[in-house]
Amino acid sequence: MVDATPVAWYKSQRFIALCQSTVLFALGWLISALSTNDWTNWKAGVIAILGNVLIGLKDWWNPNIVAPFAALNKNNTGVPKP
């Protein structure tokens, strides 16, 4: 049975996966930079991390996610429950 209650954005599986992906991108770049001593190839990592940020922002419009700003999501109609 699928639960239809909205999920807080920071508890969603997609947000957690995006955070893990961002950490892996940063660690991959750091390992590559340390092993080759080439610190100038940071652009691909930044583009990938910005892509993760944009995906996270896009998710705030999902009606099944409770977004942090009321203007972005129809589930934000009142005071948050403790």
Protein backbone atom coordinates (compact mmCIF):
# COMPACT_ATOMS: atom_id res chain seq x y z
CA MET A 1 0.00 0.00 0.00
CA VAL A 2 1.33 3.41 -0.97
CA ASP A 3 1.17 6.17 1.62
CA ALA A 4 -0.16 9.43 0.14
CA THR A 5 1.06 11.74 2.90
CA PRO A 6 3.54 14.39 1.78
CA VAL A 7 7.21 14.00 2.68
CA ALA A 8 9.49 16.76 3.93
CA TRP A 9 11.93 17.66 1.15
CA TYR A 10 15.02 16.84 3.21
CA LYS A 11 13.64 13.37 4.06
CA SER A 12 12.88 12.35 0.48
CA GLN A 13 14.88 9.53 -1.07
CA ARG A 14 15.78 11.66 -4.05
CA PHE A 15 17.29 14.43 -1.89
CA ILE A 16 19.34 11.88 0.04
CA ALA A 17 20.56 10.35 -3.24
CA LEU A 18 21.46 13.81 -4.57
CA CYS A 19 23.49 14.54 -1.44
CA GLN A 20 25.31 11.23 -1.78
CA SER A 21 25.95 11.90 -5.46
CA THR A 22 27.32 15.36 -4.69
CA VAL A 23 29.70 13.94 -2.08
CA LEU A 24 30.88 11.29 -4.56
CA PHE A 25 31.48 13.94 -7.25
CA ALA A 26 33.52 16.03 -4.81
CA LEU A 27 35.51 13.04 -3.56
CA GLY A 28 36.16 11.88 -7.11
CA TRP A 29 37.50 15.28 -8.07
CA LEU A 30 39.62 15.48 -4.91
CA ILE A 31 41.13 12.03 -5.48
CA SER A 32 41.82 12.87 -9.12
CA ALA A 33 43.40 16.21 -8.20
CA LEU A 34 45.56 14.67 -5.49
CA SER A 35 46.75 11.80 -7.67
CA THR A 36 47.59 13.90 -10.74
CA ASN A 37 48.48 17.18 -8.99
CA ASP A 38 46.24 18.95 -11.53
CA TRP A 39 43.86 21.26 -9.68
CA THR A 40 42.49 22.97 -12.79
CA ASN A 41 39.96 20.32 -13.88
CA TRP A 42 37.26 21.40 -11.43
CA LYS A 43 34.74 22.59 -14.03
CA ALA A 44 33.16 19.19 -14.75
CA GLY A 45 32.62 18.59 -11.03
CA VAL A 46 31.03 21.99 -10.55
CA ILE A 47 28.70 21.41 -13.49
CA ALA A 48 27.65 18.03 -12.09
CA ILE A 49 27.07 19.48 -8.61
CA LEU A 50 25.06 22.39 -10.03
CA GLY A 51 22.98 19.84 -11.92
CA ASN A 52 22.22 18.13 -8.61
CA VAL A 53 21.23 21.46 -7.06
CA LEU A 54 18.88 22.21 -9.96
CA ILE A 55 17.26 18.78 -9.66
CA GLY A 56 16.74 19.41 -5.94
CA LEU A 57 15.17 22.80 -6.62
CA LYS A 58 12.90 21.29 -9.27
CA ASP A 59 11.66 18.73 -6.75
CA TRP A 60 10.28 21.51 -4.55
CA TRP A 61 7.46 21.90 -7.10
CA ASN A 62 6.40 18.25 -6.68
CA PRO A 63 3.03 18.10 -4.86
CA ASN A 64 4.17 15.03 -2.90
CA ILE A 65 7.08 16.94 -1.35
CA VAL A 66 6.69 19.62 1.32
CA ALA A 67 9.00 22.38 0.10
CA PRO A 68 10.69 24.98 2.34
CA PHE A 69 8.93 27.94 0.70
CA ALA A 70 5.14 28.16 0.52
CA ALA A 71 5.19 29.86 -2.87
CA LEU A 72 6.74 26.80 -4.47
CA ASN A 73 4.37 24.05 -3.39
CA LYS A 74 0.67 23.57 -2.80
CA ASN A 75 1.32 21.44 0.32
CA ASN A 76 2.69 24.44 2.18
CA THR A 77 -0.59 25.97 3.23
CA GLY A 78 -0.08 26.45 6.93
CA VAL A 79 2.26 26.34 9.86
CA PRO A 80 4.57 23.31 9.83
CA LYS A 81 3.67 20.54 12.26
CA PRO A 82 6.23 19.80 14.96
